[in-house]
N, C-alpha and C. Protein backbone atom coordinates (compact mmCIF):
# COMPACT_ATOMS: atom_id res chain seq x y z
N MET A 1 153.94 82.16 246.81
CA MET A 1 154.65 83.20 246.11
C MET A 1 155.43 82.64 244.91
N ILE A 2 156.03 81.49 245.05
CA ILE A 2 156.79 80.88 243.97
C ILE A 2 155.85 80.56 242.80
N TRP A 3 154.62 80.15 243.09
CA TRP A 3 153.67 79.85 242.03
C TRP A 3 153.34 81.09 241.20
N ARG A 4 153.23 82.21 241.84
CA ARG A 4 152.94 83.45 241.11
C ARG A 4 154.10 83.78 240.16
N ILE A 5 155.32 83.65 240.63
CA ILE A 5 156.49 83.93 239.77
C ILE A 5 156.53 82.95 238.60
N PHE A 6 156.22 81.67 238.90
CA PHE A 6 156.22 80.65 237.85
C PHE A 6 155.15 80.96 236.79
N ILE A 7 153.96 81.35 237.18
CA ILE A 7 152.87 81.67 236.25
C ILE A 7 153.23 82.91 235.42
N ILE A 8 153.80 83.92 236.06
CA ILE A 8 154.20 85.13 235.32
C ILE A 8 155.30 84.80 234.31
N ALA A 9 156.25 83.98 234.71
CA ALA A 9 157.34 83.59 233.81
C ALA A 9 156.79 82.79 232.62
N ALA A 10 155.82 81.89 232.87
CA ALA A 10 155.21 81.10 231.79
C ALA A 10 154.46 82.01 230.83
N LEU A 11 153.73 82.99 231.34
CA LEU A 11 153.01 83.92 230.47
C LEU A 11 153.98 84.75 229.63
N VAL A 12 155.08 85.21 230.23
CA VAL A 12 156.08 85.98 229.49
C VAL A 12 156.68 85.11 228.38
N LEU A 13 156.95 83.82 228.69
CA LEU A 13 157.50 82.90 227.70
C LEU A 13 156.53 82.70 226.54
N VAL A 14 155.23 82.55 226.82
CA VAL A 14 154.22 82.39 225.76
C VAL A 14 154.16 83.63 224.88
N VAL A 15 154.23 84.83 225.47
CA VAL A 15 154.19 86.07 224.69
C VAL A 15 155.43 86.16 223.80
N VAL A 16 156.61 85.84 224.31
CA VAL A 16 157.85 85.92 223.53
C VAL A 16 157.80 84.93 222.37
N VAL A 17 157.37 83.70 222.61
CA VAL A 17 157.27 82.69 221.53
C VAL A 17 156.25 83.14 220.48
N SER A 18 155.14 83.72 220.89
CA SER A 18 154.12 84.21 219.94
C SER A 18 154.68 85.31 219.05
N ILE A 19 155.46 86.21 219.63
CA ILE A 19 156.04 87.31 218.84
C ILE A 19 157.04 86.76 217.83
N ILE A 20 157.88 85.81 218.26
CA ILE A 20 158.86 85.22 217.35
C ILE A 20 158.17 84.48 216.21
N ASN A 21 157.13 83.70 216.49
CA ASN A 21 156.41 82.96 215.45
C ASN A 21 155.64 83.88 214.52
N LYS A 22 155.18 85.00 215.00
CA LYS A 22 154.46 85.95 214.15
C LYS A 22 155.38 86.48 213.06
N ASP A 23 156.65 86.73 213.38
CA ASP A 23 157.61 87.22 212.39
C ASP A 23 157.93 86.17 211.34
N ARG A 24 157.78 84.90 211.65
CA ARG A 24 158.10 83.82 210.70
C ARG A 24 156.97 83.55 209.72
N ARG A 25 155.75 83.88 210.04
CA ARG A 25 154.60 83.61 209.17
C ARG A 25 154.56 84.61 208.02
N PRO A 26 154.19 84.14 206.77
CA PRO A 26 154.06 85.09 205.66
C PRO A 26 152.82 85.95 205.86
N THR A 27 152.91 87.19 205.44
CA THR A 27 151.75 88.07 205.53
C THR A 27 150.80 87.76 204.38
N GLN A 28 149.61 88.31 204.44
CA GLN A 28 148.63 88.06 203.39
C GLN A 28 149.07 88.69 202.07
N ASP A 29 149.91 89.71 202.11
CA ASP A 29 150.37 90.36 200.89
C ASP A 29 151.44 89.55 200.17
N GLU A 30 152.15 88.67 200.89
CA GLU A 30 153.20 87.88 200.28
C GLU A 30 152.60 86.67 199.60
N PRO A 31 153.02 86.37 198.36
CA PRO A 31 152.51 85.17 197.69
C PRO A 31 153.10 83.92 198.35
N THR A 32 152.32 82.87 198.36
CA THR A 32 152.81 81.62 198.92
C THR A 32 153.64 80.90 197.88
N ALA A 33 154.44 79.97 198.32
CA ALA A 33 155.31 79.22 197.42
C ALA A 33 154.49 78.41 196.42
N GLN A 34 153.28 77.97 196.81
CA GLN A 34 152.46 77.17 195.91
C GLN A 34 152.03 77.98 194.70
N SER A 35 151.63 79.24 194.88
CA SER A 35 151.19 80.04 193.74
C SER A 35 152.36 80.43 192.85
N GLU A 36 153.56 80.54 193.42
CA GLU A 36 154.74 80.88 192.61
C GLU A 36 155.16 79.71 191.72
N THR A 37 154.91 78.48 192.15
CA THR A 37 155.37 77.32 191.39
C THR A 37 154.27 76.70 190.54
N LEU A 38 153.19 77.44 190.28
CA LEU A 38 152.10 76.92 189.47
C LEU A 38 152.60 76.73 188.04
N GLN A 39 152.69 75.51 187.60
CA GLN A 39 153.22 75.16 186.29
C GLN A 39 152.13 74.53 185.43
N PRO A 40 152.27 74.61 184.10
CA PRO A 40 151.28 73.95 183.24
C PRO A 40 151.34 72.44 183.42
N GLY A 41 150.21 71.77 183.14
CA GLY A 41 150.19 70.31 183.21
C GLY A 41 151.20 69.73 182.25
N TYR A 42 151.28 70.28 181.06
CA TYR A 42 152.35 69.96 180.11
C TYR A 42 152.54 71.14 179.19
N PHE A 43 153.69 71.18 178.55
CA PHE A 43 154.05 72.28 177.66
C PHE A 43 154.89 71.69 176.53
N MET A 44 154.50 71.94 175.30
CA MET A 44 155.24 71.40 174.15
C MET A 44 155.50 72.52 173.15
N THR A 45 156.65 72.48 172.53
CA THR A 45 156.94 73.40 171.43
C THR A 45 157.22 72.56 170.18
N GLY A 46 156.85 73.11 169.03
CA GLY A 46 157.02 72.37 167.78
C GLY A 46 156.30 71.04 167.82
N ALA A 47 155.09 71.04 168.36
CA ALA A 47 154.37 69.80 168.62
C ALA A 47 153.62 69.29 167.39
N ARG A 48 153.53 67.97 167.31
CA ARG A 48 152.73 67.33 166.26
C ARG A 48 151.94 66.21 166.93
N ILE A 49 150.62 66.28 166.80
CA ILE A 49 149.74 65.28 167.39
C ILE A 49 148.93 64.65 166.27
N VAL A 50 148.84 63.33 166.29
CA VAL A 50 148.08 62.60 165.28
C VAL A 50 147.02 61.76 165.97
N GLU A 51 145.76 61.91 165.52
CA GLU A 51 144.67 61.07 166.02
C GLU A 51 144.23 60.19 164.87
N THR A 52 144.12 58.89 165.14
CA THR A 52 143.75 57.96 164.09
C THR A 52 142.25 57.66 164.14
N GLY A 53 141.72 57.28 163.00
CA GLY A 53 140.32 56.89 162.90
C GLY A 53 140.16 55.41 163.20
N GLU A 54 138.95 54.90 163.02
CA GLU A 54 138.67 53.49 163.29
C GLU A 54 139.46 52.57 162.36
N ASP A 55 139.82 53.06 161.17
CA ASP A 55 140.58 52.24 160.22
C ASP A 55 142.08 52.25 160.51
N GLY A 56 142.49 52.99 161.54
CA GLY A 56 143.91 53.05 161.90
C GLY A 56 144.71 54.10 161.15
N LEU A 57 144.09 54.73 160.17
CA LEU A 57 144.76 55.78 159.40
C LEU A 57 144.61 57.13 160.11
N PRO A 58 145.54 58.04 159.88
CA PRO A 58 145.43 59.36 160.52
C PRO A 58 144.14 60.06 160.13
N LEU A 59 143.43 60.55 161.14
CA LEU A 59 142.19 61.30 160.93
C LEU A 59 142.47 62.79 161.08
N TYR A 60 143.15 63.16 162.17
CA TYR A 60 143.57 64.55 162.42
C TYR A 60 145.08 64.57 162.60
N ARG A 61 145.68 65.61 162.06
CA ARG A 61 147.08 65.91 162.33
C ARG A 61 147.13 67.35 162.79
N VAL A 62 147.63 67.59 163.99
CA VAL A 62 147.74 68.93 164.53
C VAL A 62 149.21 69.28 164.67
N ASN A 63 149.62 70.37 164.05
CA ASN A 63 150.96 70.92 164.23
C ASN A 63 150.77 72.28 164.90
N ALA A 64 151.54 72.52 165.97
CA ALA A 64 151.42 73.79 166.69
C ALA A 64 152.79 74.24 167.17
N ARG A 65 152.97 75.56 167.14
CA ARG A 65 154.22 76.12 167.66
C ARG A 65 154.31 75.84 169.15
N GLU A 66 153.19 75.99 169.88
CA GLU A 66 153.16 75.71 171.31
C GLU A 66 151.82 75.09 171.68
N ILE A 67 151.87 74.12 172.60
CA ILE A 67 150.68 73.55 173.21
C ILE A 67 150.93 73.57 174.72
N ARG A 68 149.95 74.08 175.45
CA ARG A 68 150.13 74.27 176.89
C ARG A 68 148.83 73.89 177.61
N GLN A 69 148.95 73.06 178.64
CA GLN A 69 147.78 72.71 179.45
C GLN A 69 147.68 73.69 180.62
N ARG A 70 146.49 74.22 180.83
CA ARG A 70 146.25 75.16 181.94
C ARG A 70 146.26 74.39 183.26
N PRO A 71 147.01 74.88 184.25
CA PRO A 71 147.14 74.12 185.50
C PRO A 71 145.87 74.09 186.36
N LEU A 72 145.06 75.12 186.30
CA LEU A 72 143.90 75.17 187.20
C LEU A 72 142.70 74.37 186.70
N ASP A 73 142.40 74.45 185.39
CA ASP A 73 141.20 73.77 184.90
C ASP A 73 141.49 72.63 183.92
N GLY A 74 142.73 72.47 183.47
CA GLY A 74 143.06 71.39 182.55
C GLY A 74 142.76 71.69 181.10
N GLY A 75 142.30 72.91 180.78
CA GLY A 75 142.07 73.30 179.39
C GLY A 75 143.41 73.34 178.64
N ILE A 76 143.34 73.31 177.31
CA ILE A 76 144.56 73.27 176.50
C ILE A 76 144.59 74.47 175.56
N ASP A 77 145.70 75.23 175.62
CA ASP A 77 145.93 76.37 174.72
C ASP A 77 146.89 75.94 173.62
N LEU A 78 146.60 76.37 172.39
CA LEU A 78 147.47 76.09 171.25
C LEU A 78 147.81 77.41 170.58
N GLU A 79 149.05 77.54 170.11
CA GLU A 79 149.49 78.75 169.43
C GLU A 79 149.97 78.39 168.03
N ASP A 80 149.60 79.22 167.04
CA ASP A 80 150.06 79.09 165.66
C ASP A 80 149.90 77.65 165.19
N LEU A 81 148.65 77.25 164.93
CA LEU A 81 148.40 75.85 164.64
C LEU A 81 147.88 75.61 163.24
N SER A 82 148.11 74.38 162.80
CA SER A 82 147.61 73.89 161.53
C SER A 82 147.04 72.51 161.78
N LEU A 83 145.81 72.28 161.33
CA LEU A 83 145.14 71.02 161.54
C LEU A 83 144.74 70.46 160.19
N SER A 84 145.16 69.24 159.91
CA SER A 84 144.75 68.55 158.68
C SER A 84 143.73 67.50 159.07
N TYR A 85 142.63 67.47 158.32
CA TYR A 85 141.54 66.55 158.61
C TYR A 85 141.26 65.70 157.38
N ARG A 86 141.26 64.39 157.57
CA ARG A 86 140.94 63.47 156.49
C ARG A 86 139.50 63.00 156.68
N ALA A 87 138.62 63.49 155.84
CA ALA A 87 137.22 63.09 155.93
C ALA A 87 137.03 61.76 155.22
N PRO A 88 136.27 60.85 155.81
CA PRO A 88 136.01 59.57 155.13
C PRO A 88 135.31 59.81 153.79
N ALA A 89 135.81 59.19 152.75
CA ALA A 89 135.24 59.29 151.39
C ALA A 89 135.16 60.72 150.90
N ALA A 90 136.07 61.58 151.36
CA ALA A 90 136.10 62.97 150.90
C ALA A 90 137.55 63.44 150.88
N ASP A 91 137.75 64.62 150.32
CA ASP A 91 139.10 65.16 150.27
C ASP A 91 139.52 65.72 151.63
N ASP A 92 140.82 65.88 151.81
CA ASP A 92 141.35 66.43 153.05
C ASP A 92 141.04 67.92 153.16
N TRP A 93 140.92 68.38 154.42
CA TRP A 93 140.73 69.79 154.73
C TRP A 93 141.88 70.22 155.62
N THR A 94 142.34 71.45 155.45
CA THR A 94 143.38 72.00 156.31
C THR A 94 142.82 73.25 156.98
N VAL A 95 143.00 73.34 158.29
CA VAL A 95 142.52 74.48 159.07
C VAL A 95 143.74 75.10 159.75
N THR A 96 143.89 76.42 159.61
CA THR A 96 144.98 77.12 160.30
C THR A 96 144.38 78.26 161.12
N SER A 97 145.07 78.59 162.21
CA SER A 97 144.65 79.73 163.03
C SER A 97 145.80 80.18 163.92
N ALA A 98 145.68 81.39 164.42
CA ALA A 98 146.70 81.94 165.31
C ALA A 98 146.66 81.26 166.68
N ARG A 99 145.44 80.95 167.15
CA ARG A 99 145.28 80.38 168.49
C ARG A 99 144.17 79.34 168.49
N GLY A 100 144.26 78.44 169.45
CA GLY A 100 143.22 77.45 169.65
C GLY A 100 143.06 77.17 171.12
N PHE A 101 141.90 76.67 171.50
CA PHE A 101 141.64 76.31 172.89
C PHE A 101 140.71 75.11 172.93
N VAL A 102 141.05 74.13 173.77
CA VAL A 102 140.19 72.97 174.02
C VAL A 102 139.76 73.05 175.48
N PRO A 103 138.46 73.27 175.75
CA PRO A 103 138.00 73.32 177.14
C PRO A 103 138.25 71.97 177.83
N PRO A 104 138.29 71.97 179.17
CA PRO A 104 138.52 70.72 179.90
C PRO A 104 137.51 69.64 179.54
N ALA A 105 137.98 68.42 179.32
CA ALA A 105 137.14 67.25 179.03
C ALA A 105 136.19 67.50 177.87
N SER A 106 136.65 68.17 176.83
CA SER A 106 135.80 68.53 175.70
C SER A 106 136.37 67.95 174.41
N LYS A 107 135.50 67.78 173.42
CA LYS A 107 135.90 67.35 172.08
C LYS A 107 135.78 68.51 171.09
N VAL A 108 135.68 69.74 171.64
CA VAL A 108 135.52 70.93 170.80
C VAL A 108 136.82 71.72 170.81
N LEU A 109 137.26 72.10 169.63
CA LEU A 109 138.43 72.95 169.46
C LEU A 109 137.94 74.32 169.03
N ILE A 110 138.25 75.35 169.82
CA ILE A 110 137.83 76.72 169.52
C ILE A 110 139.02 77.43 168.91
N LEU A 111 138.90 77.83 167.66
CA LEU A 111 139.98 78.48 166.92
C LEU A 111 139.70 79.97 166.82
N THR A 112 140.73 80.80 167.02
CA THR A 112 140.57 82.24 166.91
C THR A 112 141.78 82.85 166.24
N GLY A 113 141.55 83.97 165.57
CA GLY A 113 142.63 84.72 164.94
C GLY A 113 143.01 84.21 163.57
N ASP A 114 142.54 84.89 162.53
CA ASP A 114 142.87 84.56 161.14
C ASP A 114 142.66 83.07 160.84
N VAL A 115 141.46 82.59 161.10
CA VAL A 115 141.13 81.18 160.85
C VAL A 115 140.89 80.99 159.36
N ARG A 116 141.54 79.97 158.80
CA ARG A 116 141.36 79.63 157.39
C ARG A 116 141.10 78.14 157.26
N VAL A 117 140.09 77.80 156.46
CA VAL A 117 139.77 76.41 156.16
C VAL A 117 139.97 76.26 154.66
N ILE A 118 140.84 75.34 154.28
CA ILE A 118 141.18 75.15 152.87
C ILE A 118 140.88 73.71 152.48
N GLY A 119 140.12 73.56 151.41
CA GLY A 119 139.78 72.22 150.93
C GLY A 119 139.37 72.26 149.47
N GLN A 120 139.18 71.08 148.91
CA GLN A 120 138.77 70.97 147.51
C GLN A 120 137.38 70.36 147.48
N PRO A 121 136.34 71.21 147.36
CA PRO A 121 134.98 70.72 147.46
C PRO A 121 134.53 69.80 146.33
N ALA A 122 135.14 69.90 145.19
CA ALA A 122 134.74 69.05 144.06
C ALA A 122 136.00 68.49 143.39
N PRO A 123 135.92 67.27 142.89
CA PRO A 123 137.09 66.70 142.20
C PRO A 123 137.51 67.58 141.02
N ASP A 124 138.78 67.70 140.82
CA ASP A 124 139.36 68.49 139.71
C ASP A 124 138.94 69.95 139.75
N SER A 125 138.62 70.47 140.92
CA SER A 125 138.26 71.88 141.03
C SER A 125 139.37 72.61 141.77
N GLU A 126 139.26 73.92 141.76
CA GLU A 126 140.20 74.74 142.52
C GLU A 126 139.89 74.62 144.00
N PRO A 127 140.88 74.83 144.85
CA PRO A 127 140.60 74.77 146.30
C PRO A 127 139.70 75.93 146.73
N ALA A 128 138.91 75.67 147.74
CA ALA A 128 138.07 76.70 148.35
C ALA A 128 138.74 77.14 149.64
N VAL A 129 138.64 78.44 149.94
CA VAL A 129 139.22 78.99 151.16
C VAL A 129 138.10 79.68 151.93
N ILE A 130 137.92 79.28 153.18
CA ILE A 130 136.94 79.89 154.08
C ILE A 130 137.74 80.66 155.12
N ARG A 131 137.41 81.95 155.30
CA ARG A 131 138.12 82.79 156.27
C ARG A 131 137.13 83.35 157.28
N THR A 132 137.56 83.34 158.54
CA THR A 132 136.77 83.92 159.62
C THR A 132 137.71 84.21 160.79
N GLU A 133 137.21 84.86 161.81
CA GLU A 133 138.04 85.16 162.98
C GLU A 133 137.85 84.16 164.11
N ARG A 134 136.77 83.38 164.05
CA ARG A 134 136.49 82.42 165.13
C ARG A 134 135.75 81.23 164.54
N LEU A 135 136.17 80.02 164.92
CA LEU A 135 135.53 78.81 164.41
C LEU A 135 135.57 77.74 165.50
N MET A 136 134.46 77.06 165.67
CA MET A 136 134.41 75.93 166.62
C MET A 136 134.37 74.64 165.81
N LEU A 137 135.27 73.71 166.15
CA LEU A 137 135.34 72.43 165.45
C LEU A 137 135.09 71.32 166.45
N ASN A 138 133.98 70.60 166.27
CA ASN A 138 133.67 69.47 167.13
C ASN A 138 134.33 68.24 166.51
N THR A 139 135.34 67.70 167.17
CA THR A 139 136.10 66.59 166.61
C THR A 139 135.35 65.26 166.72
N GLU A 140 134.29 65.23 167.49
CA GLU A 140 133.48 64.01 167.60
C GLU A 140 132.46 63.92 166.47
N THR A 141 131.82 65.05 166.14
CA THR A 141 130.80 65.05 165.09
C THR A 141 131.34 65.56 163.76
N ASP A 142 132.56 66.10 163.74
CA ASP A 142 133.18 66.68 162.54
C ASP A 142 132.36 67.83 161.97
N ILE A 143 131.80 68.64 162.87
CA ILE A 143 131.03 69.82 162.50
C ILE A 143 131.84 71.06 162.87
N ALA A 144 132.03 71.95 161.90
CA ALA A 144 132.68 73.24 162.13
C ALA A 144 131.60 74.31 162.06
N SER A 145 131.65 75.29 162.99
CA SER A 145 130.61 76.32 162.97
C SER A 145 131.15 77.63 163.52
N THR A 146 130.49 78.72 163.07
CA THR A 146 130.78 80.05 163.58
C THR A 146 129.55 80.93 163.39
N ARG A 147 129.47 81.97 164.20
CA ARG A 147 128.42 82.98 164.03
C ARG A 147 129.03 84.28 163.52
N ASP A 148 130.34 84.30 163.37
CA ASP A 148 131.07 85.50 162.92
C ASP A 148 130.98 85.65 161.40
N ARG A 149 131.52 86.75 160.92
CA ARG A 149 131.59 86.98 159.48
C ARG A 149 132.46 85.91 158.83
N VAL A 150 132.03 85.45 157.66
CA VAL A 150 132.74 84.42 156.92
C VAL A 150 132.90 84.89 155.48
N ASP A 151 134.11 84.76 154.96
CA ASP A 151 134.38 85.05 153.55
C ASP A 151 134.82 83.76 152.89
N ILE A 152 134.19 83.42 151.76
CA ILE A 152 134.50 82.19 151.05
C ILE A 152 134.99 82.55 149.66
N GLU A 153 136.13 81.98 149.28
CA GLU A 153 136.69 82.17 147.94
C GLU A 153 136.87 80.79 147.31
N TRP A 154 136.37 80.66 146.08
CA TRP A 154 136.51 79.40 145.35
C TRP A 154 136.70 79.76 143.88
N GLY A 155 137.96 79.82 143.47
CA GLY A 155 138.27 80.29 142.13
C GLY A 155 137.87 81.75 142.01
N ASP A 156 137.04 82.09 140.98
CA ASP A 156 136.56 83.45 140.78
C ASP A 156 135.33 83.77 141.64
N ARG A 157 134.82 82.82 142.33
CA ARG A 157 133.60 83.00 143.12
C ARG A 157 133.93 83.57 144.50
N ARG A 158 133.06 84.47 144.96
CA ARG A 158 133.23 85.09 146.28
C ARG A 158 131.88 85.13 146.98
N LEU A 159 131.88 84.75 148.25
CA LEU A 159 130.68 84.83 149.07
C LEU A 159 131.06 85.38 150.44
N SER A 160 130.17 86.18 151.01
CA SER A 160 130.33 86.65 152.38
C SER A 160 129.03 86.36 153.11
N THR A 161 129.14 85.99 154.38
CA THR A 161 127.96 85.67 155.16
C THR A 161 128.26 85.88 156.64
N MET A 162 127.22 85.88 157.41
CA MET A 162 127.37 85.90 158.86
C MET A 162 127.00 84.51 159.36
N GLY A 163 127.99 83.73 159.72
CA GLY A 163 127.78 82.41 160.29
C GLY A 163 127.69 81.31 159.26
N LEU A 164 128.18 80.14 159.67
CA LEU A 164 128.07 78.95 158.83
C LEU A 164 128.16 77.72 159.70
N VAL A 165 127.66 76.61 159.15
CA VAL A 165 127.81 75.29 159.75
C VAL A 165 128.31 74.39 158.63
N ALA A 166 129.45 73.74 158.86
CA ALA A 166 130.04 72.86 157.86
C ALA A 166 130.15 71.45 158.42
N ASP A 167 129.59 70.49 157.69
CA ASP A 167 129.73 69.08 158.03
C ASP A 167 130.89 68.55 157.21
N LEU A 168 132.05 68.38 157.85
CA LEU A 168 133.25 67.99 157.11
C LEU A 168 133.18 66.56 156.60
N LYS A 169 132.45 65.69 157.29
CA LYS A 169 132.30 64.30 156.84
C LYS A 169 131.49 64.24 155.55
N ALA A 170 130.41 64.97 155.52
CA ALA A 170 129.48 64.91 154.39
C ALA A 170 129.79 65.94 153.32
N ASP A 171 130.83 66.77 153.52
CA ASP A 171 131.16 67.84 152.57
C ASP A 171 129.96 68.76 152.31
N LYS A 172 129.26 69.16 153.38
CA LYS A 172 128.11 70.05 153.24
C LYS A 172 128.39 71.34 154.00
N LEU A 173 127.99 72.44 153.39
CA LEU A 173 128.20 73.76 153.97
C LEU A 173 126.86 74.49 154.01
N GLN A 174 126.47 74.98 155.17
CA GLN A 174 125.22 75.72 155.32
C GLN A 174 125.56 77.14 155.75
N LEU A 175 125.15 78.12 154.94
CA LEU A 175 125.36 79.53 155.26
C LEU A 175 124.19 80.01 156.11
N GLU A 176 124.49 80.79 157.14
CA GLU A 176 123.47 81.14 158.12
C GLU A 176 122.63 82.36 157.73
N SER A 177 123.24 83.54 157.52
CA SER A 177 122.43 84.72 157.23
C SER A 177 123.27 85.78 156.53
N ALA A 178 122.60 86.78 156.01
CA ALA A 178 123.24 87.91 155.33
C ALA A 178 124.24 87.44 154.28
N VAL A 179 123.77 86.58 153.38
CA VAL A 179 124.65 86.03 152.35
C VAL A 179 124.75 87.00 151.19
N HIS A 180 125.98 87.34 150.83
CA HIS A 180 126.25 88.22 149.69
C HIS A 180 127.32 87.54 148.86
N GLY A 181 127.09 87.46 147.54
CA GLY A 181 128.07 86.76 146.74
C GLY A 181 128.19 87.29 145.33
N ARG A 182 129.26 86.85 144.71
CA ARG A 182 129.51 87.21 143.32
C ARG A 182 130.09 85.99 142.64
N PHE A 183 129.40 85.47 141.64
CA PHE A 183 129.87 84.33 140.89
C PHE A 183 130.21 84.80 139.48
N VAL A 184 131.41 84.56 139.08
CA VAL A 184 131.88 84.93 137.75
C VAL A 184 132.03 83.63 136.96
N PRO A 185 131.54 83.60 135.73
CA PRO A 185 131.70 82.36 134.95
C PRO A 185 133.17 82.02 134.80
N THR A 186 133.46 80.75 134.90
CA THR A 186 134.86 80.31 134.75
C THR A 186 135.24 80.38 133.29
N ARG A 187 136.48 80.66 133.06
CA ARG A 187 136.99 80.78 131.68
C ARG A 187 137.31 79.40 131.13
N PRO A 188 137.03 79.19 129.84
CA PRO A 188 137.32 77.86 129.24
C PRO A 188 138.79 77.63 129.08
């Protein structure tokens, strides 16, 4: 008889402990502490990053209002950025955009929002301005490309096209399709 009372008491104790522990566990609707504390890998404001070339001189200079590393995949977001590029044996190019993104473990910078590329294609000439909404810049090959609409202004000259590929090292620009332009003779 004592064994029966002992077994019943043990079962009652197990039920009481289970009920108390159930109240302590978070429900599926409650976020866990880990998801609440998810922070970027790094976060910078007023950032300036300089990458040097093989000669030790600055090759790229990136200025951004904000740079933020994504915690889940390691991608990098940039806000309000300006990138200066020094091409070997060529003039410097400046690229600005509202936003940028570098995918994880990539050498490609994806620029979006009012992208402008400004450079001087010929010595003693006026600067050329290339405008588009999206541009991909491969920092390893120094190739900039887009499939979006592109507007090019160079002095009195105007061109519009859908897509381009620009080799910044070689100072070569290839227009992809639907090229429309207007060239006005320069004034003496």
